[in-house]
C-alpha atoms as a PDB file:
ATOM      1  CA  MET A   1       4.540  10.075   0.225  1.00  0.00           C
ATOM      2  CA  ASN A   2       4.408   6.867   2.055  1.00  0.00           C
ATOM      3  CA  SER A   3       2.442   5.865   4.956  1.00  0.00           C
ATOM      4  CA  ARG A   4       3.478   3.985   8.007  1.00  0.00           C
ATOM      5  CA  LEU A   5       1.862   1.011   9.574  1.00  0.00           C
ATOM      6  CA  ALA A   6      -0.070   1.554  12.743  1.00  0.00           C
ATOM      7  CA  LEU A   7       2.010   0.544  15.751  1.00  0.00           C
ATOM      8  CA  PRO A   8       0.107  -2.711  16.517  1.00  0.00           C
ATOM      9  CA  ALA A   9       0.467  -3.910  12.931  1.00  0.00           C
ATOM     10  CA  LEU A  10       4.139  -2.940  12.886  1.00  0.00           C
ATOM     11  CA  LEU A  11       4.820  -4.794  16.126  1.00  0.00           C
ATOM     12  CA  PHE A  12       3.051  -7.873  14.753  1.00  0.00           C
ATOM     13  CA  LEU A  13       5.178  -7.756  11.615  1.00  0.00           C
ATOM     14  CA  LEU A  14       8.394  -7.166  13.518  1.00  0.00           C
ATOM     15  CA  GLY A  15       7.692 -10.224  15.629  1.00  0.00           C
ATOM     16  CA  SER A  16       8.233 -12.407  12.568  1.00  0.00           C
ATOM     17  CA  VAL A  17      11.714 -11.020  11.800  1.00  0.00           C
ATOM     18  CA  PRO A  18      14.901 -12.151  13.574  1.00  0.00           C
ATOM     19  CA  ALA A  19      15.889  -9.647  16.249  1.00  0.00           C
ATOM     20  CA  THR A  20      19.204  -8.874  14.546  1.00  0.00           C
ATOM     21  CA  ALA A  21      17.409  -7.843  11.330  1.00  0.00           C
ATOM     22  CA  GLN A  22      15.031  -5.352  12.963  1.00  0.00           C
ATOM     23  CA  ASP A  23      15.523  -1.641  12.415  1.00  0.00           C
ATOM     24  CA  VAL A  24      13.029   0.214  14.551  1.00  0.00           C
ATOM     25  CA  SER A  25      14.712   3.620  14.333  1.00  0.00           C
ATOM     26  CA  GLU A  26      12.750   6.548  12.965  1.00  0.00           C
ATOM     27  CA  PRO A  27      13.202   6.805   9.179  1.00  0.00           C
ATOM     28  CA  THR A  28      15.166   9.893   8.139  1.00  0.00           C
ATOM     29  CA  HIS A  29      15.334   9.545   4.351  1.00  0.00           C
ATOM     30  CA  ALA A  30      13.688   7.820   1.406  1.00  0.00           C
ATOM     31  CA  GLN A  31      14.516   4.172   0.944  1.00  0.00           C
ATOM     32  CA  PRO A  32      16.052   3.018  -2.335  1.00  0.00           C
ATOM     33  CA  LYS A  33      13.588   1.925  -4.990  1.00  0.00           C
ATOM     34  CA  LEU A  34      12.285  -1.552  -4.142  1.00  0.00           C
ATOM     35  CA  SER A  35      11.746  -4.451  -6.535  1.00  0.00           C
ATOM     36  CA  THR A  36       8.766  -3.897  -8.837  1.00  0.00           C
ATOM     37  CA  GLN A  37       5.959  -5.827 -10.446  1.00  0.00           C
ATOM     38  CA  PRO A  38       3.197  -4.912 -12.868  1.00  0.00           C
ATOM     39  CA  LEU A  39      -0.207  -4.293 -11.329  1.00  0.00           C
ATOM     40  CA  THR A  40      -3.450  -3.871 -13.247  1.00  0.00           C
ATOM     41  CA  ILE A  41      -6.656  -2.301 -11.988  1.00  0.00           C
ATOM     42  CA  ILE A  42      -9.663  -3.457 -13.977  1.00  0.00           C
ATOM     43  CA  SER A  43     -12.318  -0.802 -13.646  1.00  0.00           C
ATOM     44  CA  HIS A  44     -16.084  -1.189 -13.557  1.00  0.00           C
ATOM     45  CA  GLY A  45     -16.233  -0.520 -17.321  1.00  0.00           C
ATOM     46  CA  GLY A  46     -13.602  -3.162 -18.099  1.00  0.00           C
ATOM     47  CA  VAL A  47     -10.844  -0.612 -18.710  1.00  0.00           C
ATOM     48  CA  ARG A  48      -7.415  -1.929 -17.691  1.00  0.00           C
ATOM     49  CA  HIS A  49      -5.153   0.575 -15.917  1.00  0.00           C
ATOM     50  CA  GLN A  50      -1.488  -0.524 -15.868  1.00  0.00           C
ATOM     51  CA  PHE A  51       0.895   0.413 -13.054  1.00  0.00           C
ATOM     52  CA  THR A  52       4.368  -0.654 -11.967  1.00  0.00           C
ATOM     53  CA  VAL A  53       4.414  -0.966  -8.186  1.00  0.00           C
ATOM     54  CA  GLU A  54       7.244  -1.392  -5.738  1.00  0.00           C
ATOM     55  CA  LEU A  55       6.755  -4.289  -3.334  1.00  0.00           C
ATOM     56  CA  ALA A  56       7.110  -3.370   0.342  1.00  0.00           C
ATOM     57  CA  ARG A  57       7.838  -6.841   1.746  1.00  0.00           C
ATOM     58  CA  THR A  58       9.809  -6.504   4.978  1.00  0.00           C
ATOM     59  CA  PRO A  59       8.564  -4.702   8.083  1.00  0.00           C
ATOM     60  CA  ARG A  60      11.148  -1.951   7.530  1.00  0.00           C
ATOM     61  CA  GLU A  61      10.202  -1.514   3.860  1.00  0.00           C
ATOM     62  CA  GLN A  62       6.567  -1.297   4.933  1.00  0.00           C
ATOM     63  CA  GLN A  63       7.348   1.170   7.710  1.00  0.00           C
ATOM     64  CA  VAL A  64       9.279   3.514   5.400  1.00  0.00           C
ATOM     65  CA  GLY A  65       7.168   2.946   2.275  1.00  0.00           C
ATOM     66  CA  LEU A  66       7.104   6.106   0.171  1.00  0.00           C
ATOM     67  CA  MET A  67       8.280   8.449   2.951  1.00  0.00           C
ATOM     68  CA  PHE A  68      10.399  11.435   1.918  1.00  0.00           C
ATOM     69  CA  ARG A  69       9.765  10.936  -1.813  1.00  0.00           C
ATOM     70  CA  THR A  70       8.808  14.186  -3.491  1.00  0.00           C
ATOM     71  CA  SER A  71       6.862  12.676  -6.388  1.00  0.00           C
ATOM     72  CA  ILE A  72       4.964   9.550  -7.371  1.00  0.00           C
ATOM     73  CA  PRO A  73       4.787   8.997 -11.140  1.00  0.00           C
ATOM     74  CA  ALA A  74       1.245   8.487 -12.448  1.00  0.00           C
ATOM     75  CA  SER A  75       1.993   4.908 -13.521  1.00  0.00           C
ATOM     76  CA  SER A  76       3.804   3.915 -10.295  1.00  0.00           C
ATOM     77  CA  GLY A  77       3.043   3.170  -6.679  1.00  0.00           C
ATOM     78  CA  MET A  78       3.707   0.802  -3.800  1.00  0.00           C
ATOM     79  CA  LEU A  79       2.019  -2.478  -2.865  1.00  0.00           C
ATOM     80  CA  PHE A  80       1.782  -3.738   0.711  1.00  0.00           C
ATOM     81  CA  ILE A  81       0.641  -7.381   1.003  1.00  0.00           C
ATOM     82  CA  TRP A  82      -0.266  -8.023   4.640  1.00  0.00           C
ATOM     83  CA  PRO A  83       0.703 -11.315   6.327  1.00  0.00           C
ATOM     84  CA  THR A  84      -2.969 -11.941   7.167  1.00  0.00           C
ATOM     85  CA  VAL A  85      -6.282 -10.401   6.228  1.00  0.00           C
ATOM     86  CA  GLN A  86      -6.456  -7.483   8.667  1.00  0.00           C
ATOM     87  CA  GLU A  87      -7.479  -3.894   9.216  1.00  0.00           C
ATOM     88  CA  SER A  88      -4.950  -1.616   7.510  1.00  0.00           C
ATOM     89  CA  ALA A  89      -4.104   1.647   9.267  1.00  0.00           C
ATOM     90  CA  MET A  90      -1.747   4.032   7.494  1.00  0.00           C
ATOM     91  CA  TRP A  91      -0.680   7.650   7.902  1.00  0.00           C
ATOM     92  CA  MET A  92       1.271  10.282   6.004  1.00  0.00           C
ATOM     93  CA  GLU A  93       4.126  11.156   8.366  1.00  0.00           C
ATOM     94  CA  ASN A  94       7.182  12.331   6.380  1.00  0.00           C
ATOM     95  CA  CYS A  95       5.206  12.101   3.144  1.00  0.00           C
ATOM     96  CA  PRO A  96       5.387  15.465   1.328  1.00  0.00           C
ATOM     97  CA  VAL A  97       2.920  14.717  -1.503  1.00  0.00           C
ATOM     98  CA  PRO A  98      -0.677  13.432  -1.439  1.00  0.00           C
ATOM     99  CA  GLU A  99      -1.463   9.788  -2.175  1.00  0.00           C
ATOM    100  CA  ASP A 100      -4.469   7.712  -3.087  1.00  0.00           C
ATOM    101  CA  MET A 101      -4.645   4.589  -0.906  1.00  0.00           C
ATOM    102  CA  LEU A 102      -6.564   1.580  -2.165  1.00  0.00           C
ATOM    103  CA  PHE A 103      -7.533  -1.094   0.338  1.00  0.00           C
ATOM    104  CA  VAL A 104      -7.990  -4.492  -1.323  1.00  0.00           C
ATOM    105  CA  GLY A 105      -9.873  -7.488   0.031  1.00  0.00           C
ATOM    106  CA  PRO A 106      -8.712 -11.106  -0.174  1.00  0.00           C
ATOM    107  CA  ASP A 107     -10.820 -11.518  -3.330  1.00  0.00           C
ATOM    108  CA  GLY A 108      -8.771  -8.851  -5.170  1.00  0.00           C
ATOM    109  CA  VAL A 109     -11.605  -6.307  -5.070  1.00  0.00           C
ATOM    110  CA  ILE A 110     -11.040  -2.719  -3.914  1.00  0.00           C
ATOM    111  CA  ARG A 111     -12.944  -2.345  -0.618  1.00  0.00           C
ATOM    112  CA  SER A 112     -12.221   1.337   0.057  1.00  0.00           C
ATOM    113  CA  ILE A 113     -10.210   4.250  -1.302  1.00  0.00           C
ATOM    114  CA  ALA A 114      -8.692   7.201   0.568  1.00  0.00           C
ATOM    115  CA  GLU A 115      -8.207   9.896  -2.076  1.00  0.00           C
ATOM    116  CA  ASP A 116      -5.702  12.761  -1.951  1.00  0.00           C
ATOM    117  CA  THR A 117      -4.440  12.066   1.551  1.00  0.00           C
ATOM    118  CA  VAL A 118      -3.049  15.050   3.449  1.00  0.00           C
ATOM    119  CA  PRO A 119       0.761  15.306   3.239  1.00  0.00           C
ATOM    120  CA  GLU A 120       2.628  15.036   6.560  1.00  0.00           C
ATOM    121  CA  SER A 121      -0.576  14.211   8.487  1.00  0.00           C
ATOM    122  CA  LEU A 122      -0.458  11.881  11.491  1.00  0.00           C
ATOM    123  CA  ALA A 123      -4.185  11.126  11.221  1.00  0.00           C
ATOM    124  CA  GLN A 124      -4.851   7.417  10.764  1.00  0.00           C
ATOM    125  CA  ILE A 125      -6.237   6.353   7.408  1.00  0.00           C
ATOM    126  CA  SER A 126      -8.182   3.148   7.951  1.00  0.00           C
ATOM    127  CA  SER A 127      -9.263   0.496   5.509  1.00  0.00           C
ATOM    128  CA  GLY A 128     -12.585   0.368   7.348  1.00  0.00           C
ATOM    129  CA  GLY A 129     -12.459  -3.408   7.586  1.00  0.00           C
ATOM    130  CA  PRO A 130     -10.197  -6.380   6.966  1.00  0.00           C
ATOM    131  CA  VAL A 131      -8.117  -6.288   3.773  1.00  0.00           C
ATOM    132  CA  ARG A 132      -5.334  -8.335   2.214  1.00  0.00           C
ATOM    133  CA  ALA A 133      -3.382  -5.463   0.648  1.00  0.00           C
ATOM    134  CA  THR A 134      -2.929  -1.714   0.499  1.00  0.00           C
ATOM    135  CA  ILE A 135      -1.824   0.080  -2.661  1.00  0.00           C
ATOM    136  CA  GLU A 136      -0.438   3.608  -2.624  1.00  0.00           C
ATOM    137  CA  LEU A 137      -0.675   5.609  -5.847  1.00  0.00           C
ATOM    138  CA  GLN A 138      -0.220   9.211  -6.943  1.00  0.00           C
ATOM    139  CA  GLY A 139      -2.727  11.508  -5.237  1.00  0.00           C
ATOM    140  CA  GLY A 140      -5.758  12.147  -7.456  1.00  0.00           C
ATOM    141  CA  ILE A 141      -5.086   9.312  -9.909  1.00  0.00           C
ATOM    142  CA  THR A 142      -8.134   7.258  -8.876  1.00  0.00           C
ATOM    143  CA  ALA A 143     -10.500  10.154  -9.654  1.00  0.00           C
ATOM    144  CA  LYS A 144      -8.665  10.940 -12.896  1.00  0.00           C
ATOM    145  CA  LEU A 145      -8.915   7.308 -14.080  1.00  0.00           C
ATOM    146  CA  ASP A 146     -12.389   6.748 -12.543  1.00  0.00           C
ATOM    147  CA  ILE A 147     -11.122   3.904 -10.353  1.00  0.00           C
ATOM    148  CA  ARG A 148     -13.778   2.983  -7.798  1.00  0.00           C
ATOM    149  CA  VAL A 149     -14.602   0.707  -4.911  1.00  0.00           C
ATOM    150  CA  GLY A 150     -15.564  -2.634  -6.476  1.00  0.00           C
ATOM    151  CA  ASP A 151     -12.883  -2.510  -9.189  1.00  0.00           C
ATOM    152  CA  ARG A 152     -10.547  -5.511  -9.330  1.00  0.00           C
ATOM    153  CA  ILE A 153      -6.756  -5.869  -8.914  1.00  0.00           C
ATOM    154  CA  GLU A 154      -4.506  -8.193 -10.918  1.00  0.00           C
ATOM    155  CA  ASN A 155      -0.965  -8.699  -9.617  1.00  0.00           C
ATOM    156  CA  LYS A 156       1.329 -11.704  -9.206  1.00  0.00           C
ATOM    157  CA  ALA A 157       2.157 -11.006  -5.545  1.00  0.00           C
ATOM    158  CA  PHE A 158      -1.480 -10.398  -4.665  1.00  0.00           C
ATOM    159  CA  ASP A 159      -2.584 -13.568  -6.490  1.00  0.00           C
ATOM    160  CA  GLN A 160       0.018 -15.632  -4.598  1.00  0.00           C
ATOM    161  CA  ALA A 161      -1.052 -14.150  -1.271  1.00  0.00           C
ATOM    162  CA  THR A 162      -4.730 -14.856  -1.852  1.00  0.00           C
ATOM    163  CA  GLN A 163      -4.013 -18.409  -3.044  1.00  0.00           C
ATOM    164  CA  THR A 164      -2.003 -19.048   0.141  1.00  0.00           C
ATOM    165  CA  GLN A 165      -4.839 -17.680   2.254  1.00  0.00           C
ATOM    166  CA  GLN A 166      -7.449 -19.814   0.426  1.00  0.00           C
ATOM    167  CA  GLY A 167      -5.382 -23.007   0.369  1.00  0.00           C
END
């Protein structure tokens, strides 16, 4: 279910954590549910789609993400806010169900979507350019709700990150 950061991004993130707090071992089980926030996707037609997303904040939380989870509820997901605007590279190792990955620019607009990712695949899933955040949702939900590139994200954590980047 989750994706892992590409090694260069993971090493960058780990560099900002005290050495004693780093856990670089291979994940072997799902992590406990992380803290959540509401997230809204405002579609091209003005329809507001409400989700509750877990916040993957630490390098370890981001590395493990949704790995080993056997379901993602339709109204749930995981939000990864990157420390800088950067290329996001994810994969589906240890993820037994498909996901939709939304790659969000610093302006809160969806830049690209990877739909119905292949479970357990090690193939990199790239944002295709610099983004501020990645959102993982239930596989197929973006097609079902007609969520598209160009739709806008509203979320407290994302708003704070973009304000920091702008200011």
